[in-house]
Amino acid sequence: MERSPMLNEILLGNTYRFPEHAVILITEGTLKVDVSLESLSLEKHSLLLIPANSVITVQDRSDNVNYRSISFPTFCSEQNNLIGYEPIKIQLQENSHSTIENYFQLMDMLMRKKDKDNTEGMQHLILSLLSHINTLNDTMLQSIGLLNLPHPQQLKSEFLYLLNSEPYPIRTVSYYTDKLRVTPGHLNNVMKKLTGMSTTEWINKNTIRAARELLSNPAKYYTVVEIAELLHCGTEPIFSKFFKSHTGETPSEFRKRIQQK
């Protein structure tokens, strides 16, 4: 499997789908990223756990940003319970930051031992790290009264997971409500209450994310007509108008700007 690019290798505004899980610890500077549509601001001592197949867009980063990171595939079923569907962001205290740093140092030591197979040792360390992150996250959720997530929070999580799991966004609300076994009105009410955005607004946001990903894809050139068809956005003029209304530029203008970087 190819190495996932580090966050400082992804051009600002570009999107990249991480094929593996990742843990990132900010040690200096700031980062602003969208992880599977959720906008996150990271600073020194921020810890971010990213599930596999998440879509990352780097919106901004300071010149002095520095971080530790590790990416890894799924190697046991226990990981699924420890990682979940959504990114986890925790702002660490100094002592917790030092503990996470120790995990990275131990993993660095194992990876430098090229004379023997260290796979099992790495897997044990990763599971221990994930367990520790979950404990930190539970403590954070408990402090704000959200430890045992109610049904609405679970519904939000499942909807965002479905939204990000399709290679090309499905733009009909009924597709998601049928899978979630809820009414369109109930899903919309939950999303508005928990995120401030309607179901349709989330679907549109995901469509724009996918459009940017296709327009900036270095491996294959897609015409605007092809992208409009893939994203179920009708004709090229309709898609271009939709894209510009959300981004302030046409698809062609966006592609030209990205290619000039």
Protein backbone atom coordinates (compact mmCIF):
# COMPACT_ATOMS: atom_id res chain seq x y z
CA MET A 1 0.00 0.00 0.00
CA GLU A 2 1.30 3.44 -0.91
CA ARG A 3 2.30 5.82 1.84
CA SER A 4 -0.35 8.41 2.63
CA PRO A 5 0.97 11.94 2.05
CA MET A 6 1.68 14.00 5.13
CA LEU A 7 -0.45 17.07 5.73
CA ASN A 8 2.34 19.44 4.70
CA GLU A 9 2.52 17.65 1.32
CA ILE A 10 -1.13 18.25 0.44
CA LEU A 11 -1.62 21.53 -1.43
CA LEU A 12 -3.92 24.01 0.29
CA GLY A 13 -7.47 23.52 -0.94
CA ASN A 14 -6.72 20.10 -2.43
CA THR A 15 -8.43 16.97 -1.17
CA TYR A 16 -6.98 13.53 -0.53
CA ARG A 17 -8.64 10.31 0.60
CA PHE A 18 -6.56 8.61 3.29
CA PRO A 19 -6.66 4.83 2.63
CA GLU A 20 -5.44 4.01 6.16
CA HIS A 21 -6.19 5.07 9.73
CA ALA A 22 -3.95 7.84 11.06
CA VAL A 23 -3.00 9.47 14.35
CA ILE A 24 -1.57 12.99 14.23
CA LEU A 25 -0.09 14.96 17.13
CA ILE A 26 0.56 18.67 16.61
CA THR A 27 3.81 19.69 18.32
CA GLU A 28 4.08 23.25 16.98
CA GLY A 29 2.08 25.73 14.89
CA THR A 30 -1.49 25.50 13.62
CA LEU A 31 -3.49 23.61 11.01
CA LYS A 32 -7.01 24.04 9.67
CA VAL A 33 -8.36 20.93 7.99
CA ASP A 34 -11.63 19.42 6.82
CA VAL A 35 -11.83 15.74 7.70
CA SER A 36 -14.74 14.04 5.96
CA LEU A 37 -16.62 17.36 5.87
CA GLU A 38 -15.95 18.31 9.52
CA SER A 39 -13.91 21.52 9.88
CA LEU A 40 -11.22 21.25 12.56
CA SER A 41 -8.73 23.80 13.89
CA LEU A 42 -5.58 22.19 15.30
CA GLU A 43 -2.88 23.81 17.40
CA LYS A 44 0.00 22.76 19.64
CA HIS A 45 -1.02 19.72 21.75
CA SER A 46 -3.94 18.86 19.44
CA LEU A 47 -4.39 15.13 18.84
CA LEU A 48 -6.34 13.89 15.81
CA LEU A 49 -7.47 10.32 15.12
CA ILE A 50 -8.58 9.85 11.50
CA PRO A 51 -10.52 6.74 10.39
CA ALA A 52 -9.48 5.00 7.19
CA ASN A 53 -11.05 6.24 3.95
CA SER A 54 -11.49 9.76 5.34
CA VAL A 55 -11.27 12.68 2.93
CA ILE A 56 -8.81 15.39 4.02
CA THR A 57 -8.72 18.98 2.79
CA VAL A 58 -5.98 21.22 4.19
CA GLN A 59 -7.50 24.71 4.37
CA ASP A 60 -4.61 26.53 6.06
CA ARG A 61 -1.39 25.89 7.98
CA SER A 62 1.15 28.10 9.71
CA ASP A 63 4.72 28.24 8.44
CA ASN A 64 6.05 26.69 11.65
CA VAL A 65 3.62 23.76 11.82
CA ASN A 66 5.18 20.51 13.00
CA TYR A 67 3.64 17.21 14.03
CA ARG A 68 4.16 13.51 14.70
CA SER A 69 2.04 11.05 12.74
CA ILE A 70 1.53 7.39 11.99
CA SER A 71 -0.78 5.66 9.53
CA PHE A 72 -1.78 1.99 9.63
CA PRO A 73 -4.27 -0.44 8.04
CA THR A 74 -6.93 -2.43 9.87
CA PHE A 75 -5.22 -5.50 11.31
CA CYS A 76 -7.79 -6.76 13.86
CA SER A 77 -11.49 -6.39 14.67
CA GLU A 78 -10.70 -4.68 18.00
CA GLN A 79 -9.64 -1.58 16.05
CA ASN A 80 -13.17 -1.01 14.77
CA ASN A 81 -14.45 -0.45 18.33
CA LEU A 82 -11.54 1.89 19.12
CA ILE A 83 -11.67 4.03 15.97
CA GLY A 84 -15.30 4.38 14.92
CA TYR A 85 -16.64 6.37 11.95
CA GLU A 86 -15.77 9.98 12.77
CA PRO A 87 -12.49 11.79 13.45
CA ILE A 88 -11.61 12.35 17.10
CA LYS A 89 -9.95 15.63 18.07
CA ILE A 90 -8.63 16.15 21.59
CA GLN A 91 -6.79 19.15 22.99
CA LEU A 92 -4.22 17.56 25.29
CA GLN A 93 -2.89 18.73 28.62
CA GLU A 94 0.91 18.82 28.96
CA ASN A 95 1.14 15.45 30.73
CA SER A 96 -1.14 13.73 28.18
CA HIS A 97 0.89 15.26 25.33
CA SER A 98 4.06 13.76 26.84
CA THR A 99 2.40 10.34 27.09
CA ILE A 100 1.41 10.39 23.41
CA GLU A 101 4.92 11.55 22.51
CA ASN A 102 6.27 8.49 24.35
CA TYR A 103 4.14 6.22 22.15
CA PHE A 104 5.59 7.82 19.02
CA GLN A 105 9.13 7.44 20.39
CA LEU A 106 8.56 3.74 21.11
CA MET A 107 7.15 3.21 17.60
CA ASP A 108 10.15 5.05 16.13
CA MET A 109 12.48 2.71 18.02
CA LEU A 110 10.68 -0.37 16.71
CA MET A 111 10.72 0.88 13.11
CA ARG A 112 14.47 1.50 13.32
CA LYS A 113 15.07 -2.15 14.24
CA LYS A 114 15.38 -3.46 10.71
CA ASP A 115 17.11 -6.68 11.77
CA LYS A 116 13.87 -8.40 12.86
CA ASP A 117 10.15 -8.44 12.21
CA ASN A 118 8.53 -5.86 14.48
CA THR A 119 4.98 -6.18 13.12
CA GLU A 120 3.49 -7.76 16.25
CA GLY A 121 5.15 -5.24 18.54
CA MET A 122 3.88 -2.33 16.41
CA GLN A 123 0.35 -3.71 16.43
CA HIS A 124 0.38 -4.01 20.24
CA LEU A 125 1.63 -0.43 20.54
CA ILE A 126 -0.99 0.89 18.12
CA LEU A 127 -3.81 -0.88 20.00
CA SER A 128 -2.50 0.51 23.28
CA LEU A 129 -2.31 4.01 21.77
CA LEU A 130 -5.88 3.75 20.42
CA SER A 131 -7.14 2.55 23.79
CA HIS A 132 -5.43 5.48 25.50
CA ILE A 133 -6.94 7.93 22.99
CA ASN A 134 -10.39 6.49 23.69
CA THR A 135 -9.88 6.94 27.43
CA LEU A 136 -8.87 10.57 26.86
CA ASN A 137 -11.87 11.09 24.59
CA ASP A 138 -14.28 9.55 27.13
CA THR A 139 -12.89 11.87 29.80
CA MET A 140 -13.43 14.85 27.51
CA LEU A 141 -16.99 13.78 26.61
CA GLN A 142 -17.84 13.18 30.25
CA SER A 143 -16.68 16.69 31.14
CA ILE A 144 -19.18 18.19 28.68
CA GLY A 145 -21.99 15.73 29.39
CA LEU A 146 -21.81 13.69 26.17
CA LEU A 147 -20.22 10.42 27.30
CA ASN A 148 -23.12 8.08 26.50
CA LEU A 149 -24.21 9.43 23.13
CA PRO A 150 -27.99 9.58 22.69
CA HIS A 151 -29.73 8.36 19.55
CA PRO A 152 -29.57 11.76 17.76
CA GLN A 153 -25.77 11.88 18.09
CA GLN A 154 -25.49 8.30 16.84
CA LEU A 155 -27.79 9.13 13.91
CA LYS A 156 -25.58 12.09 12.98
CA SER A 157 -22.50 9.85 13.08
CA GLU A 158 -24.10 7.19 10.89
CA PHE A 159 -25.38 9.75 8.37
CA LEU A 160 -21.94 11.37 7.99
CA TYR A 161 -20.38 7.92 7.63
CA LEU A 162 -22.79 7.03 4.82
CA LEU A 163 -22.23 10.41 3.22
CA ASN A 164 -18.48 9.84 3.04
CA SER A 165 -18.51 6.14 2.16
CA GLU A 166 -19.89 6.55 -1.37
CA PRO A 167 -17.23 7.06 -4.09
CA TYR A 168 -19.53 9.60 -5.74
CA PRO A 169 -22.09 11.42 -3.58
CA ILE A 170 -25.71 10.32 -3.73
CA ARG A 171 -27.74 13.53 -3.79
CA THR A 172 -31.18 12.26 -2.79
CA VAL A 173 -32.14 12.54 0.88
CA SER A 174 -34.33 9.43 0.67
CA TYR A 175 -31.26 7.29 -0.13
CA TYR A 176 -29.85 8.02 3.33
CA THR A 177 -33.13 7.98 5.27
CA ASP A 178 -34.03 4.58 3.78
CA LYS A 179 -30.70 3.14 4.94
CA LEU A 180 -31.00 4.79 8.38
CA ARG A 181 -34.70 3.86 8.69
CA VAL A 182 -35.81 7.33 9.68
CA THR A 183 -38.02 9.94 8.05
CA PRO A 184 -36.45 12.81 6.07
CA GLY A 185 -37.95 15.29 8.53
CA HIS A 186 -36.43 13.54 11.56
CA LEU A 187 -32.95 13.34 10.01
CA ASN A 188 -33.12 16.97 8.98
CA ASN A 189 -34.21 18.07 12.46
CA VAL A 190 -31.37 16.12 14.10
CA MET A 191 -28.70 17.49 11.74
CA LYS A 192 -29.95 21.07 12.11
CA LYS A 193 -29.97 20.77 15.90
CA LEU A 194 -26.53 19.14 16.23
CA THR A 195 -24.60 20.84 13.41
CA GLY A 196 -26.56 23.93 12.37
CA MET A 197 -26.78 22.55 8.81
CA SER A 198 -29.67 20.76 7.11
CA THR A 199 -29.41 17.34 5.49
CA THR A 200 -29.41 18.95 2.04
CA GLU A 201 -26.66 21.39 3.05
CA TRP A 202 -24.48 18.46 4.17
CA ILE A 203 -25.14 16.65 0.89
CA ASN A 204 -24.22 19.79 -1.07
CA LYS A 205 -21.06 20.25 1.00
CA ASN A 206 -20.05 16.66 0.25
CA THR A 207 -20.77 17.17 -3.46
CA ILE A 208 -18.48 20.23 -3.54
CA ARG A 209 -15.80 18.25 -1.71
CA ALA A 210 -16.03 15.45 -4.28
CA ALA A 211 -16.00 17.94 -7.17
CA ARG A 212 -12.81 19.55 -5.87
CA GLU A 213 -11.25 16.11 -5.47
CA LEU A 214 -12.06 15.18 -9.08
CA LEU A 215 -10.99 18.55 -10.49
CA SER A 216 -7.61 18.34 -8.76
CA ASN A 217 -7.03 14.61 -9.39
CA PRO A 218 -3.44 14.30 -10.71
CA ALA A 219 -3.92 10.70 -11.81
CA LYS A 220 -6.84 11.21 -14.21
CA TYR A 221 -8.25 14.22 -16.03
CA TYR A 222 -12.03 14.54 -15.83
CA THR A 223 -13.90 17.01 -18.01
CA VAL A 224 -16.46 19.24 -16.32
CA VAL A 225 -19.20 17.38 -18.22
CA GLU A 226 -17.94 14.04 -16.85
CA ILE A 227 -17.81 15.41 -13.31
CA ALA A 228 -21.35 16.76 -13.59
CA GLU A 229 -22.54 13.29 -14.61
CA LEU A 230 -20.56 11.46 -11.90
CA LEU A 231 -21.95 13.75 -9.21
CA HIS A 232 -25.53 13.62 -10.49
CA CYS A 233 -25.57 17.39 -11.02
CA GLY A 234 -27.30 17.50 -14.41
CA THR A 235 -25.79 19.42 -17.30
CA GLU A 236 -22.46 21.27 -17.33
CA PRO A 237 -24.10 24.73 -16.98
CA ILE A 238 -26.20 23.56 -14.02
CA PHE A 239 -23.18 22.00 -12.32
CA SER A 240 -20.99 25.06 -12.98
CA LYS A 241 -23.65 27.35 -11.50
CA PHE A 242 -24.00 25.06 -8.46
CA PHE A 243 -20.23 24.91 -7.96
CA LYS A 244 -19.77 28.68 -8.26
CA SER A 245 -22.63 29.41 -5.85
CA HIS A 246 -20.77 27.42 -3.18
CA THR A 247 -17.15 28.31 -3.95
CA GLY A 248 -17.21 31.69 -5.70
CA GLU A 249 -15.49 30.31 -8.81
CA THR A 250 -16.40 28.04 -11.72
CA PRO A 251 -15.00 24.49 -11.95
CA SER A 252 -12.63 25.61 -14.71
CA GLU A 253 -11.40 28.56 -12.64
CA PHE A 254 -10.82 26.27 -9.65
CA ARG A 255 -8.87 23.75 -11.74
CA LYS A 256 -6.72 26.49 -13.30
CA ARG A 257 -5.91 27.98 -9.89
CA ILE A 258 -4.94 24.58 -8.46
CA GLN A 259 -2.74 23.72 -11.44
CA GLN A 260 -0.83 27.01 -11.05
CA LYS A 261 0.26 26.15 -7.49
